């Protein structure tokens, strides 16, 4: 049976006593019906996972003792997914699955064909919700890190978030010459570790946006002849990049004390 896993934002050491509060406490006691002596995993989102045992529990408190501390391999390749806001529930789904597939940063942005238009307050509310979705996905998938979901940006500001040395790719269904597989297999590209991937909304990008991205060092890339739904495209892209970089085969637990 898989051990229950919860998030604790601070680094711990074996022997530490840790109070479990709020939603985590309710989850362990009310949902899982855990009791004194049961074991649980904690992770801090910084590459550490801890096995702990429940020492005390009552109506007001829950305390666990850390038994072991292990390092989790979070991978050396950083992947930023910049996703133009899609309609409805789709962004929640994309954030969840991108977190499971190892994205380190998720940047929602507005492009000329984005249907949703958010007020600043709505944007902050959505960001908080998506960050919670990312945390929950990391917990369930036993990821070592938690993706940072940034605030909703304009197209121009989003482009500016890409570091100069990053492999910068913008996906466009009208691109006819450069394909993702070709780009990933180029030796000069493959030597670079980090990726900044830009995916458009349901209506795709306007030509002017592709021109602007190209002027900022982005390469326009096609996924092939099929037109994928926006939520399918983001997941396909992340899976391909992870596979080509060999990351899907290396993610896992590094046993032993740090």
Protein backbone atom coordinates (compact mmCIF):
# COMPACT_ATOMS: atom_id res chain seq x y z
CA UNK A 1 0.00 0.00 0.00
CA UNK A 2 1.37 3.43 -0.92
CA UNK A 3 2.22 5.55 2.10
CA UNK A 4 0.28 8.80 2.54
CA UNK A 5 2.30 11.87 1.51
CA UNK A 6 1.87 15.47 2.64
CA UNK A 7 3.68 18.76 2.06
CA UNK A 8 5.73 20.45 4.79
CA UNK A 9 7.55 23.60 3.60
CA UNK A 10 10.55 23.40 5.96
CA UNK A 11 13.61 21.16 5.89
CA UNK A 12 13.69 18.59 8.69
CA UNK A 13 16.14 16.15 10.23
CA UNK A 14 15.69 12.66 11.72
CA UNK A 15 14.48 12.96 15.30
CA UNK A 16 12.62 16.24 14.73
CA UNK A 17 9.06 16.47 16.01
CA UNK A 18 6.74 18.20 13.58
CA UNK A 19 3.20 19.50 14.13
CA UNK A 20 0.78 18.72 11.32
CA UNK A 21 -1.98 21.31 11.04
CA UNK A 22 -4.80 22.56 8.79
CA UNK A 23 -5.82 20.59 5.74
CA UNK A 24 -2.98 18.09 6.14
CA UNK A 25 -4.14 17.17 9.64
CA UNK A 26 -7.73 16.79 8.44
CA UNK A 27 -6.59 14.69 5.50
CA UNK A 28 -4.62 12.26 7.68
CA UNK A 29 -7.16 11.94 10.49
CA UNK A 30 -10.57 12.42 8.87
CA UNK A 31 -9.99 11.13 5.33
CA UNK A 32 -7.36 8.41 5.85
CA UNK A 33 -8.36 7.60 9.46
CA UNK A 34 -4.69 7.42 10.50
CA UNK A 35 -3.81 6.97 14.15
CA UNK A 36 -0.83 6.96 16.53
CA UNK A 37 1.91 4.66 15.23
CA UNK A 38 0.94 4.99 11.56
CA UNK A 39 3.64 6.12 9.14
CA UNK A 40 3.47 9.00 6.68
CA UNK A 41 5.74 10.67 4.13
CA UNK A 42 6.50 14.40 4.18
CA UNK A 43 8.15 16.35 1.36
CA UNK A 44 9.45 19.91 1.43
CA UNK A 45 9.38 20.71 -2.29
CA UNK A 46 13.15 21.33 -2.22
CA UNK A 47 14.30 17.80 -3.04
CA UNK A 48 13.86 16.09 0.34
CA UNK A 49 11.40 13.46 1.49
CA UNK A 50 10.94 12.24 5.06
CA UNK A 51 9.42 9.11 6.53
CA UNK A 52 7.71 9.93 9.81
CA UNK A 53 5.52 8.23 12.39
CA UNK A 54 2.52 9.69 14.18
CA UNK A 55 3.46 10.08 17.84
CA UNK A 56 0.48 11.99 19.27
CA UNK A 57 -2.97 12.84 18.01
CA UNK A 58 -6.09 14.24 19.56
CA UNK A 59 -8.92 16.58 18.63
CA UNK A 60 -6.64 19.61 18.63
CA UNK A 61 -3.24 18.45 17.42
CA UNK A 62 -1.22 15.90 15.46
CA UNK A 63 2.53 15.42 15.91
CA UNK A 64 4.86 13.24 13.86
CA UNK A 65 8.48 12.25 14.47
CA UNK A 66 10.88 12.21 11.50
CA UNK A 67 12.56 8.83 11.14
CA UNK A 68 14.54 9.16 7.89
CA UNK A 69 15.51 11.86 5.41
CA UNK A 70 16.12 11.11 1.73
CA UNK A 71 17.11 13.11 -1.32
CA UNK A 72 14.82 13.07 -4.35
CA UNK A 73 16.34 13.50 -7.80
CA UNK A 74 14.51 16.54 -9.20
CA UNK A 75 16.52 16.58 -12.45
CA UNK A 76 19.03 19.10 -13.70
CA UNK A 77 16.95 20.31 -16.65
CA UNK A 78 14.58 23.18 -15.90
CA UNK A 79 11.47 23.38 -18.06
CA UNK A 80 9.26 26.46 -18.17
CA UNK A 81 5.83 26.05 -19.74
CA UNK A 82 4.32 29.35 -20.85
CA UNK A 83 0.67 28.67 -21.63
CA UNK A 84 -1.73 31.16 -23.20
CA UNK A 85 -4.95 31.08 -21.21
CA UNK A 86 -7.45 28.61 -22.69
CA UNK A 87 -11.18 28.55 -22.09
CA UNK A 88 -12.93 27.11 -19.06
CA UNK A 89 -11.41 24.33 -16.97
CA UNK A 90 -8.50 23.59 -19.30
CA UNK A 91 -5.83 25.59 -17.47
CA UNK A 92 -6.46 23.65 -14.25
CA UNK A 93 -5.93 20.42 -16.20
CA UNK A 94 -2.77 21.72 -17.92
CA UNK A 95 -1.25 22.89 -14.62
CA UNK A 96 -1.97 19.54 -12.98
CA UNK A 97 -0.50 17.43 -15.77
CA UNK A 98 2.45 19.76 -16.41
CA UNK A 99 3.33 19.41 -12.73
CA UNK A 100 3.21 15.63 -13.00
CA UNK A 101 5.46 15.77 -16.08
CA UNK A 102 8.18 17.78 -14.40
CA UNK A 103 7.63 21.40 -15.42
CA UNK A 104 9.54 23.61 -12.99
CA UNK A 105 7.75 26.88 -13.81
CA UNK A 106 4.33 27.56 -15.35
CA UNK A 107 3.59 31.01 -16.77
CA UNK A 108 -0.02 31.76 -17.78
CA UNK A 109 -0.25 34.63 -20.26
CA UNK A 110 -2.66 36.48 -22.50
CA UNK A 111 -2.17 36.50 -26.26
CA UNK A 112 -4.21 38.27 -28.93
CA UNK A 113 -6.52 35.28 -29.42
CA UNK A 114 -6.96 34.34 -25.76
CA UNK A 115 -10.66 34.20 -24.94
CA UNK A 116 -10.44 34.67 -21.14
CA UNK A 117 -9.82 38.24 -19.98
CA UNK A 118 -9.11 38.62 -16.28
CA UNK A 119 -9.12 41.58 -13.95
CA UNK A 120 -6.02 41.87 -11.71
CA UNK A 121 -8.02 40.49 -8.79
CA UNK A 122 -9.29 37.57 -10.86
CA UNK A 123 -5.76 36.91 -12.04
CA UNK A 124 -4.44 36.73 -8.47
CA UNK A 125 -7.27 34.40 -7.48
CA UNK A 126 -6.55 32.11 -10.43
CA UNK A 127 -2.82 32.11 -9.71
CA UNK A 128 -3.44 31.02 -6.11
CA UNK A 129 -5.76 28.28 -7.30
CA UNK A 130 -3.29 27.01 -9.91
CA UNK A 131 -0.46 26.99 -7.37
CA UNK A 132 -2.59 24.80 -5.12
CA UNK A 133 -3.31 22.49 -8.07
CA UNK A 134 0.45 22.25 -8.76
CA UNK A 135 1.18 21.42 -5.13
CA UNK A 136 -1.44 18.68 -5.04
CA UNK A 137 -0.15 17.20 -8.31
CA UNK A 138 3.41 17.17 -6.96
CA UNK A 139 2.21 15.46 -3.79
CA UNK A 140 0.34 12.72 -5.63
CA UNK A 141 3.04 12.08 -8.24
CA UNK A 142 5.84 11.93 -5.62
CA UNK A 143 7.71 14.74 -7.33
CA UNK A 144 10.61 16.27 -5.47
CA UNK A 145 9.83 19.85 -6.43
CA UNK A 146 6.72 21.96 -6.78
CA UNK A 147 6.34 24.06 -9.94
CA UNK A 148 6.03 27.78 -9.41
CA UNK A 149 2.92 29.17 -11.08
CA UNK A 150 3.61 32.80 -11.91
CA UNK A 151 1.13 35.65 -12.27
CA UNK A 152 -0.78 36.09 -15.53
CA UNK A 153 1.43 38.11 -17.90
CA UNK A 154 1.02 39.85 -21.23
CA UNK A 155 2.54 38.17 -24.28
CA UNK A 156 5.39 40.68 -24.37
CA UNK A 157 6.24 40.32 -20.67
CA UNK A 158 6.09 36.55 -20.93
CA UNK A 159 8.72 36.56 -23.69
CA UNK A 160 10.95 38.64 -21.46
CA UNK A 161 10.96 35.95 -18.77
CA UNK A 162 13.13 33.62 -20.87
CA UNK A 163 16.82 33.65 -19.98
CA UNK A 164 19.28 34.21 -22.81
CA UNK A 165 20.91 30.76 -22.53
CA UNK A 166 17.59 28.87 -22.48
CA UNK A 167 16.33 26.88 -25.47
CA UNK A 168 13.38 29.08 -26.47
CA UNK A 169 10.62 27.42 -28.50
CA UNK A 170 7.24 28.76 -29.57
CA UNK A 171 4.80 26.27 -31.07
CA UNK A 172 2.87 27.34 -34.17
CA UNK A 173 0.61 25.20 -36.30
CA UNK A 174 1.54 27.17 -39.44
CA UNK A 175 5.27 26.44 -39.13
CA UNK A 176 6.30 24.38 -42.18
CA UNK A 177 10.06 23.88 -41.93
CA UNK A 178 11.14 23.29 -38.31
CA UNK A 179 9.80 20.36 -36.30
CA UNK A 180 10.27 19.66 -32.60
CA UNK A 181 12.10 16.37 -33.13
CA UNK A 182 14.53 18.03 -35.52
CA UNK A 183 15.26 20.84 -33.11
CA UNK A 184 15.79 18.56 -30.12
CA UNK A 185 18.19 16.40 -32.06
CA UNK A 186 20.39 19.28 -33.17
CA UNK A 187 23.66 18.91 -31.32
CA UNK A 188 24.00 22.57 -30.47
CA UNK A 189 20.51 22.67 -28.97
CA UNK A 190 20.81 19.40 -27.11
CA UNK A 191 23.83 20.60 -25.15
CA UNK A 192 21.76 23.23 -23.40
CA UNK A 193 19.96 22.17 -20.27
CA UNK A 194 16.92 24.41 -19.84
CA UNK A 195 13.83 24.90 -21.99
CA UNK A 196 11.29 27.72 -22.30
CA UNK A 197 8.23 26.36 -24.15
CA UNK A 198 5.43 28.63 -25.36
CA UNK A 199 2.01 27.18 -26.25
CA UNK A 200 -0.85 29.20 -27.71
CA UNK A 201 -4.61 29.30 -27.06
CA UNK A 202 -7.35 27.52 -29.00
CA UNK A 203 -7.06 29.92 -31.93
CA UNK A 204 -3.27 29.74 -32.12
CA UNK A 205 -0.87 32.64 -32.41
CA UNK A 206 -1.13 35.58 -34.78
CA UNK A 207 1.70 36.00 -37.27
CA UNK A 208 2.75 39.24 -35.59
CA UNK A 209 3.25 37.39 -32.31
CA UNK A 210 5.47 34.81 -33.99
CA UNK A 211 7.51 37.63 -35.56
CA UNK A 212 7.93 39.30 -32.17
CA UNK A 213 8.97 36.02 -30.53
CA UNK A 214 11.48 35.36 -33.33
CA UNK A 215 13.02 38.78 -32.77
CA UNK A 216 13.51 37.78 -29.11
CA UNK A 217 15.41 34.60 -29.98
CA UNK A 218 12.53 32.11 -30.06
CA UNK A 219 12.36 29.40 -32.71
CA UNK A 220 8.97 28.68 -34.26
CA UNK A 221 8.36 24.92 -34.21
CA UNK A 222 5.67 22.54 -35.46
CA UNK A 223 4.44 19.37 -33.77
CA UNK A 224 3.53 17.82 -37.12
CA UNK A 225 0.57 17.74 -39.47
CA UNK A 226 -2.09 17.06 -36.84
CA UNK A 227 -3.73 19.97 -35.01
CA UNK A 228 -3.94 19.09 -31.32
CA UNK A 229 -6.28 20.51 -28.72
CA UNK A 230 -4.51 23.04 -26.52
CA UNK A 231 -4.57 20.80 -23.46
CA UNK A 232 -3.27 17.84 -25.51
CA UNK A 233 -0.52 19.91 -27.13
CA UNK A 234 0.98 21.09 -23.83
CA UNK A 235 1.19 17.56 -22.45
CA UNK A 236 2.54 16.08 -25.68
CA UNK A 237 5.26 18.74 -25.83
CA UNK A 238 6.37 18.17 -22.23
CA UNK A 239 6.40 14.40 -22.69
CA UNK A 240 8.50 14.63 -25.86
CA UNK A 241 11.02 17.03 -24.32
CA UNK A 242 11.34 14.92 -21.18
CA UNK A 243 11.84 11.76 -23.20
CA UNK A 244 14.39 13.26 -25.59
CA UNK A 245 16.37 14.68 -22.71
CA UNK A 246 16.32 11.31 -20.94
CA UNK A 247 14.61 12.78 -17.91
CA UNK A 248 11.61 10.44 -17.73
CA UNK A 249 13.99 7.54 -17.22
CA UNK A 250 16.01 9.18 -14.45
CA UNK A 251 13.44 10.78 -12.19
CA UNK A 252 13.23 8.91 -8.92
CA UNK A 253 14.45 8.59 -5.37
CA UNK A 254 18.11 8.78 -4.49
CA UNK A 255 18.36 6.60 -1.41
CA UNK A 256 20.51 7.49 1.56
CA UNK A 257 21.04 10.35 3.91
CA UNK A 258 22.10 13.72 2.43
